[in-house]
C-alpha atoms as a PDB file:
ATOM      1  CA  MET A   1     188.712   3.175 -52.234  1.00  0.00           C
ATOM      2  CA  LYS A   2     187.645   6.640 -51.303  1.00  0.00           C
ATOM      3  CA  ASN A   3     185.502   8.783 -53.626  1.00  0.00           C
ATOM      4  CA  ASN A   4     187.326  12.046 -54.392  1.00  0.00           C
ATOM      5  CA  ALA A   5     184.497  13.530 -56.536  1.00  0.00           C
ATOM      6  CA  PRO A   6     183.327  16.134 -53.906  1.00  0.00           C
ATOM      7  CA  ASP A   7     186.888  17.311 -53.393  1.00  0.00           C
ATOM      8  CA  SER A   8     187.361  17.594 -57.167  1.00  0.00           C
ATOM      9  CA  ASN A   9     184.156  19.659 -57.517  1.00  0.00           C
ATOM     10  CA  LYS A  10     185.242  21.993 -54.726  1.00  0.00           C
ATOM     11  CA  ALA A  11     188.600  22.482 -56.473  1.00  0.00           C
ATOM     12  CA  ASP A  12     186.874  23.293 -59.772  1.00  0.00           C
ATOM     13  CA  LEU A  13     184.588  25.847 -58.099  1.00  0.00           C
ATOM     14  CA  SER A  14     187.515  27.449 -56.329  1.00  0.00           C
ATOM     15  CA  GLN A  15     189.426  27.748 -59.590  1.00  0.00           C
ATOM     16  CA  LEU A  16     186.327  29.264 -61.291  1.00  0.00           C
ATOM     17  CA  ALA A  17     185.876  31.809 -58.517  1.00  0.00           C
ATOM     18  CA  GLN A  18     189.551  32.713 -58.691  1.00  0.00           C
ATOM     19  CA  ARG A  19     189.371  33.203 -62.440  1.00  0.00           C
ATOM     20  CA  LEU A  20     186.279  35.402 -62.159  1.00  0.00           C
ATOM     21  CA  SER A  21     187.917  37.533 -59.488  1.00  0.00           C
ATOM     22  CA  ASN A  22     190.918  38.054 -61.748  1.00  0.00           C
ATOM     23  CA  ILE A  23     188.780  39.361 -64.616  1.00  0.00           C
ATOM     24  CA  ASP A  24     189.167  43.090 -65.257  1.00  0.00           C
ATOM     25  CA  LEU A  25     186.028  44.393 -66.944  1.00  0.00           C
ATOM     26  CA  GLN A  26     187.966  47.249 -68.516  1.00  0.00           C
ATOM     27  CA  GLU A  27     190.204  44.754 -70.308  1.00  0.00           C
ATOM     28  CA  ILE A  28     187.311  42.832 -71.811  1.00  0.00           C
ATOM     29  CA  ASP A  29     186.988  43.337 -75.542  1.00  0.00           C
ATOM     30  CA  PHE A  30     183.264  43.170 -76.231  1.00  0.00           C
ATOM     31  CA  LYS A  31     183.876  43.623 -79.980  1.00  0.00           C
ATOM     32  CA  ASN A  32     185.702  40.299 -80.094  1.00  0.00           C
ATOM     33  CA  ALA A  33     183.286  38.377 -77.911  1.00  0.00           C
ATOM     34  CA  GLY A  34     183.483  35.488 -80.326  1.00  0.00           C
ATOM     35  CA  SER A  35     187.086  34.900 -79.328  1.00  0.00           C
ATOM     36  CA  TRP A  36     186.293  34.710 -75.583  1.00  0.00           C
ATOM     37  CA  PRO A  37     186.863  31.472 -73.754  1.00  0.00           C
ATOM     38  CA  LYS A  38     183.871  29.224 -73.245  1.00  0.00           C
ATOM     39  CA  ILE A  39     183.522  30.037 -69.557  1.00  0.00           C
ATOM     40  CA  GLY A  40     183.468  33.768 -70.320  1.00  0.00           C
ATOM     41  CA  LYS A  41     180.778  33.321 -72.920  1.00  0.00           C
ATOM     42  CA  LEU A  42     178.637  31.284 -70.495  1.00  0.00           C
ATOM     43  CA  PHE A  43     179.083  33.826 -67.732  1.00  0.00           C
ATOM     44  CA  PHE A  44     178.177  36.707 -70.020  1.00  0.00           C
ATOM     45  CA  LEU A  45     175.088  34.895 -71.312  1.00  0.00           C
ATOM     46  CA  ALA A  46     173.992  34.135 -67.756  1.00  0.00           C
ATOM     47  CA  LEU A  47     174.480  37.782 -66.801  1.00  0.00           C
ATOM     48  CA  ILE A  48     172.448  38.991 -69.805  1.00  0.00           C
ATOM     49  CA  PHE A  49     169.716  36.440 -69.026  1.00  0.00           C
ATOM     50  CA  SER A  50     169.535  37.544 -65.377  1.00  0.00           C
ATOM     51  CA  LEU A  51     169.368  41.221 -66.311  1.00  0.00           C
ATOM     52  CA  THR A  52     166.630  40.455 -68.839  1.00  0.00           C
ATOM     53  CA  LEU A  53     164.593  38.627 -66.189  1.00  0.00           C
ATOM     54  CA  LEU A  54     164.977  41.478 -63.698  1.00  0.00           C
ATOM     55  CA  LEU A  55     164.040  44.142 -66.231  1.00  0.00           C
ATOM     56  CA  GLY A  56     161.085  42.053 -67.425  1.00  0.00           C
ATOM     57  CA  TYR A  57     159.813  41.650 -63.867  1.00  0.00           C
ATOM     58  CA  PHE A  58     160.105  45.303 -62.820  1.00  0.00           C
ATOM     59  CA  LEU A  59     159.013  46.805 -66.159  1.00  0.00           C
ATOM     60  CA  TYR A  60     156.268  44.355 -67.126  1.00  0.00           C
ATOM     61  CA  LEU A  61     155.268  41.738 -64.542  1.00  0.00           C
ATOM     62  CA  LEU A  62     155.203  44.005 -61.451  1.00  0.00           C
ATOM     63  CA  PRO A  63     152.897  46.665 -63.013  1.00  0.00           C
ATOM     64  CA  LEU A  64     150.772  43.849 -64.444  1.00  0.00           C
ATOM     65  CA  ASN A  65     150.387  42.254 -60.990  1.00  0.00           C
ATOM     66  CA  GLN A  66     149.458  45.613 -59.462  1.00  0.00           C
ATOM     67  CA  THR A  67     146.842  46.151 -62.176  1.00  0.00           C
ATOM     68  CA  LEU A  68     145.522  42.628 -61.569  1.00  0.00           C
ATOM     69  CA  ASP A  69     145.163  43.329 -57.821  1.00  0.00           C
ATOM     70  CA  ARG A  70     143.200  46.521 -58.520  1.00  0.00           C
ATOM     71  CA  VAL A  71     140.957  44.729 -61.006  1.00  0.00           C
ATOM     72  CA  GLN A  72     140.292  41.891 -58.536  1.00  0.00           C
ATOM     73  CA  LYS A  73     139.369  44.354 -55.778  1.00  0.00           C
ATOM     74  CA  LYS A  74     137.087  46.240 -58.162  1.00  0.00           C
ATOM     75  CA  GLU A  75     135.533  42.947 -59.238  1.00  0.00           C
ATOM     76  CA  GLN A  76     134.741  42.062 -55.613  1.00  0.00           C
ATOM     77  CA  GLN A  77     133.175  45.490 -55.066  1.00  0.00           C
ATOM     78  CA  LEU A  78     131.028  45.066 -58.181  1.00  0.00           C
ATOM     79  CA  ILE A  79     129.968  41.567 -57.088  1.00  0.00           C
ATOM     80  CA  THR A  80     128.973  42.871 -53.641  1.00  0.00           C
ATOM     81  CA  ALA A  81     127.027  45.771 -55.183  1.00  0.00           C
ATOM     82  CA  PHE A  82     125.300  43.385 -57.591  1.00  0.00           C
ATOM     83  CA  GLU A  83     124.329  40.988 -54.791  1.00  0.00           C
ATOM     84  CA  THR A  84     122.903  43.887 -52.760  1.00  0.00           C
ATOM     85  CA  LYS A  85     120.865  45.197 -55.692  1.00  0.00           C
ATOM     86  CA  ALA A  86     119.733  41.688 -56.606  1.00  0.00           C
ATOM     87  CA  PHE A  87     118.534  41.128 -53.026  1.00  0.00           C
ATOM     88  CA  GLN A  88     116.714  44.467 -53.032  1.00  0.00           C
ATOM     89  CA  GLY A  89     115.158  43.675 -56.394  1.00  0.00           C
ATOM     90  CA  ALA A  90     114.030  40.243 -55.239  1.00  0.00           C
ATOM     91  CA  ASN A  91     112.398  41.780 -52.152  1.00  0.00           C
ATOM     92  CA  LEU A  92     110.984  44.856 -53.892  1.00  0.00           C
ATOM     93  CA  ALA A  93     107.437  43.525 -53.818  1.00  0.00           C
ATOM     94  CA  ALA A  94     107.706  42.817 -50.077  1.00  0.00           C
ATOM     95  CA  TYR A  95     109.115  46.314 -49.450  1.00  0.00           C
ATOM     96  CA  GLN A  96     106.280  47.887 -51.437  1.00  0.00           C
ATOM     97  CA  GLN A  97     103.731  45.867 -49.445  1.00  0.00           C
ATOM     98  CA  GLN A  98     105.330  47.006 -46.192  1.00  0.00           C
ATOM     99  CA  MET A  99     105.210  50.631 -47.357  1.00  0.00           C
ATOM    100  CA  LEU A 100     101.513  50.274 -48.149  1.00  0.00           C
ATOM    101  CA  GLU A 101     100.893  48.784 -44.704  1.00  0.00           C
ATOM    102  CA  ILE A 102     102.847  51.591 -43.016  1.00  0.00           C
ATOM    103  CA  GLN A 103     100.964  54.231 -44.996  1.00  0.00           C
ATOM    104  CA  GLY A 104      97.695  52.588 -44.033  1.00  0.00           C
ATOM    105  CA  LEU A 105      98.730  52.544 -40.368  1.00  0.00           C
ATOM    106  CA  ILE A 106      99.689  56.221 -40.505  1.00  0.00           C
ATOM    107  CA  LYS A 107      96.371  57.039 -42.128  1.00  0.00           C
ATOM    108  CA  THR A 108      94.522  55.079 -39.438  1.00  0.00           C
ATOM    109  CA  LEU A 109      96.418  56.834 -36.657  1.00  0.00           C
ATOM    110  CA  ASN A 110      95.750  60.229 -38.234  1.00  0.00           C
ATOM    111  CA  SER A 111      92.053  59.426 -38.388  1.00  0.00           C
ATOM    112  CA  GLN A 112      92.168  58.659 -34.673  1.00  0.00           C
ATOM    113  CA  LEU A 113      93.477  62.140 -33.910  1.00  0.00           C
ATOM    114  CA  PRO A 114      90.385  64.311 -33.471  1.00  0.00           C
ATOM    115  CA  ASN A 115      89.978  67.966 -34.345  1.00  0.00           C
ATOM    116  CA  ASP A 116      89.235  70.456 -31.563  1.00  0.00           C
ATOM    117  CA  ASN A 117      85.501  70.284 -32.174  1.00  0.00           C
ATOM    118  CA  ALA A 118      85.592  66.501 -31.571  1.00  0.00           C
ATOM    119  CA  ILE A 119      86.483  66.930 -27.873  1.00  0.00           C
ATOM    120  CA  PRO A 120      82.839  67.274 -26.797  1.00  0.00           C
ATOM    121  CA  GLU A 121      82.120  64.015 -28.624  1.00  0.00           C
ATOM    122  CA  LEU A 122      84.997  62.345 -26.763  1.00  0.00           C
ATOM    123  CA  ILE A 123      83.692  63.606 -23.411  1.00  0.00           C
ATOM    124  CA  GLU A 124      80.306  62.203 -24.281  1.00  0.00           C
ATOM    125  CA  GLN A 125      81.877  58.809 -25.090  1.00  0.00           C
ATOM    126  CA  ILE A 126      83.678  58.839 -21.724  1.00  0.00           C
ATOM    127  CA  GLY A 127      80.348  59.479 -20.003  1.00  0.00           C
ATOM    128  CA  GLU A 128      78.703  56.620 -21.923  1.00  0.00           C
ATOM    129  CA  GLN A 129      81.484  54.210 -20.915  1.00  0.00           C
ATOM    130  CA  ALA A 130      81.114  55.264 -17.277  1.00  0.00           C
ATOM    131  CA  LYS A 131      77.382  54.576 -17.424  1.00  0.00           C
ATOM    132  CA  ASN A 132      77.847  51.217 -19.211  1.00  0.00           C
ATOM    133  CA  ASN A 133      80.419  50.052 -16.656  1.00  0.00           C
ATOM    134  CA  ARG A 134      78.480  51.368 -13.622  1.00  0.00           C
ATOM    135  CA  VAL A 135      81.015  53.876 -12.354  1.00  0.00           C
ATOM    136  CA  GLU A 136      80.359  57.487 -11.350  1.00  0.00           C
ATOM    137  CA  ILE A 137      82.361  60.366 -12.771  1.00  0.00           C
ATOM    138  CA  LYS A 138      82.673  62.845  -9.898  1.00  0.00           C
ATOM    139  CA  ALA A 139      84.913  65.287 -11.804  1.00  0.00           C
ATOM    140  CA  LEU A 140      86.052  65.829 -15.376  1.00  0.00           C
ATOM    141  CA  LYS A 141      88.325  68.819 -16.070  1.00  0.00           C
ATOM    142  CA  LEU A 142      89.989  69.892 -19.307  1.00  0.00           C
ATOM    143  CA  GLN A 143      93.505  71.081 -18.556  1.00  0.00           C
ATOM    144  CA  THR A 144      95.878  73.311 -20.535  1.00  0.00           C
ATOM    145  CA  ILE A 145      96.654  71.845 -23.941  1.00  0.00           C
ATOM    146  CA  GLU A 146     100.211  70.773 -24.743  1.00  0.00           C
ATOM    147  CA  LYS A 147     101.357  71.706 -28.251  1.00  0.00           C
ATOM    148  CA  LYS A 148     103.806  69.325 -29.917  1.00  0.00           C
ATOM    149  CA  GLU A 149     105.462  69.476 -33.298  1.00  0.00           C
ATOM    150  CA  ALA A 150     102.986  67.208 -35.096  1.00  0.00           C
ATOM    151  CA  TYR A 151      99.970  67.153 -32.773  1.00  0.00           C
ATOM    152  CA  ILE A 152      98.213  68.748 -29.817  1.00  0.00           C
ATOM    153  CA  ALA A 153      97.668  66.848 -26.572  1.00  0.00           C
ATOM    154  CA  GLN A 154      94.604  67.650 -24.480  1.00  0.00           C
ATOM    155  CA  PRO A 155      94.931  66.507 -20.830  1.00  0.00           C
ATOM    156  CA  ILE A 156      91.699  65.522 -19.100  1.00  0.00           C
ATOM    157  CA  GLN A 157      91.701  65.012 -15.325  1.00  0.00           C
ATOM    158  CA  LEU A 158      89.145  62.420 -14.206  1.00  0.00           C
ATOM    159  CA  GLU A 159      87.872  61.427 -10.774  1.00  0.00           C
ATOM    160  CA  ILE A 160      85.851  58.220 -10.897  1.00  0.00           C
ATOM    161  CA  TYR A 161      84.048  56.304  -8.140  1.00  0.00           C
ATOM    162  CA  GLY A 162      83.118  52.613  -8.186  1.00  0.00           C
ATOM    163  CA  SER A 163      84.108  49.033  -7.423  1.00  0.00           C
ATOM    164  CA  PHE A 164      87.495  47.671  -8.417  1.00  0.00           C
ATOM    165  CA  HIS A 165      85.954  45.408 -11.054  1.00  0.00           C
ATOM    166  CA  ASN A 166      83.855  48.183 -12.602  1.00  0.00           C
ATOM    167  CA  LEU A 167      86.763  50.638 -12.575  1.00  0.00           C
ATOM    168  CA  SER A 168      88.899  48.056 -14.400  1.00  0.00           C
ATOM    169  CA  LEU A 169      86.218  47.630 -17.062  1.00  0.00           C
ATOM    170  CA  PHE A 170      85.903  51.404 -17.431  1.00  0.00           C
ATOM    171  CA  ILE A 171      89.678  51.875 -17.883  1.00  0.00           C
ATOM    172  CA  SER A 172      89.763  49.077 -20.442  1.00  0.00           C
ATOM    173  CA  SER A 173      86.876  50.663 -22.378  1.00  0.00           C
ATOM    174  CA  LEU A 174      88.740  54.004 -22.579  1.00  0.00           C
ATOM    175  CA  THR A 175      91.767  52.374 -24.189  1.00  0.00           C
ATOM    176  CA  ALA A 176      89.454  50.664 -26.698  1.00  0.00           C
ATOM    177  CA  LEU A 177      87.877  53.910 -27.946  1.00  0.00           C
ATOM    178  CA  GLN A 178      88.182  54.726 -31.633  1.00  0.00           C
ATOM    179  CA  ARG A 179      90.058  57.926 -30.730  1.00  0.00           C
ATOM    180  CA  ILE A 180      93.546  57.608 -29.270  1.00  0.00           C
ATOM    181  CA  VAL A 181      93.414  58.076 -25.504  1.00  0.00           C
ATOM    182  CA  THR A 182      96.300  57.313 -23.177  1.00  0.00           C
ATOM    183  CA  LEU A 183      96.114  57.137 -19.371  1.00  0.00           C
ATOM    184  CA  HIS A 184      98.695  58.500 -16.907  1.00  0.00           C
ATOM    185  CA  ASP A 185      99.366  59.397 -13.257  1.00  0.00           C
ATOM    186  CA  PHE A 186      96.607  57.525 -11.442  1.00  0.00           C
ATOM    187  CA  THR A 187      95.938  57.316  -7.729  1.00  0.00           C
ATOM    188  CA  LEU A 188      93.537  54.889  -6.109  1.00  0.00           C
ATOM    189  CA  ARG A 189      92.105  55.134  -2.586  1.00  0.00           C
ATOM    190  CA  PRO A 190      89.229  53.487  -0.705  1.00  0.00           C
ATOM    191  CA  GLN A 191      86.097  55.520  -0.095  1.00  0.00           C
ATOM    192  CA  GLN A 192      82.906  54.333   1.621  1.00  0.00           C
ATOM    193  CA  GLY A 193      83.425  50.677   0.801  1.00  0.00           C
ATOM    194  CA  LEU A 194      84.313  51.384  -2.844  1.00  0.00           C
ATOM    195  CA  LEU A 195      87.291  52.984  -4.609  1.00  0.00           C
ATOM    196  CA  SER A 196      88.008  56.495  -5.821  1.00  0.00           C
ATOM    197  CA  LEU A 197      90.282  56.723  -8.875  1.00  0.00           C
ATOM    198  CA  ASN A 198      92.051  59.901  -9.977  1.00  0.00           C
ATOM    199  CA  ILE A 199      93.570  59.546 -13.419  1.00  0.00           C
ATOM    200  CA  ARG A 200      94.922  61.805 -16.135  1.00  0.00           C
ATOM    201  CA  ALA A 201      93.759  60.973 -19.654  1.00  0.00           C
ATOM    202  CA  MET A 202      95.489  62.402 -22.741  1.00  0.00           C
ATOM    203  CA  ALA A 203      93.505  62.940 -25.940  1.00  0.00           C
ATOM    204  CA  TYR A 204      95.417  63.832 -29.098  1.00  0.00           C
ATOM    205  CA  HIS A 205      94.430  66.324 -31.799  1.00  0.00           C
ATOM    206  CA  ASN A 206      95.635  67.107 -35.261  1.00  0.00           C
ATOM    207  CA  GLN A 207      97.511  70.356 -35.766  1.00  0.00           C
ATOM    208  CA  LYS A 208      95.399  72.815 -37.710  1.00  0.00           C
ATOM    209  CA  PRO A 209      96.864  73.962 -41.021  1.00  0.00           C
ATOM    210  CA  SER A 210      97.908  77.625 -40.993  1.00  0.00           C
ATOM    211  CA  ASN A 211      95.352  78.580 -43.622  1.00  0.00           C
ATOM    212  CA  GLN A 212      92.560  77.180 -41.416  1.00  0.00           C
ATOM    213  CA  GLU A 213      93.840  79.093 -38.390  1.00  0.00           C
ATOM    214  CA  GLU A 214      93.854  82.362 -40.339  1.00  0.00           C
ATOM    215  CA  SER A 215      90.430  81.832 -41.950  1.00  0.00           C
ATOM    216  CA  PRO A 216      87.496  83.645 -40.234  1.00  0.00           C
END
């Protein structure tokens, strides 16, 4: 025996759709809703329920979700800012120690920049290093100073004569001086069984304050 239940359900749905299509909304008497047939009451209740859900979503839930999204984004920003500040706070002591070390390094470097009147002392130290390392200074010439924003550079052209080993020791001793001295543009050539070295040394000076320059 065949089951006719699906066919019966389709027939019922078709009849319901036909009845709904035949309803004229202008003929509906909303004042006498109590006298409506059961299917009309159910349809009307479903319609009211659907409209209530839609209005509730657009008027209440949608703005609430948008507000929630903004609050969550703001929360993440606050968490990130807090983590950054917490990290900085945890490393504050290390940062302060680094600042002290940097300030000490700057102070040390500034102390290594001589004043103008310290150039004779530097020349004397160069002569002492030449004597200690058994090289001969054949020429030592102060060249035109080069003014920079924060310091003055004094070029010194040197011509030194000696063995390769002694010249190496002399160059190393210049870089180890208390004053900052850098070496540039060297040429090396043999001469009478030894070597002649031409090199440009740069000694650095502090800029004089304006009030010192104007004082007699």
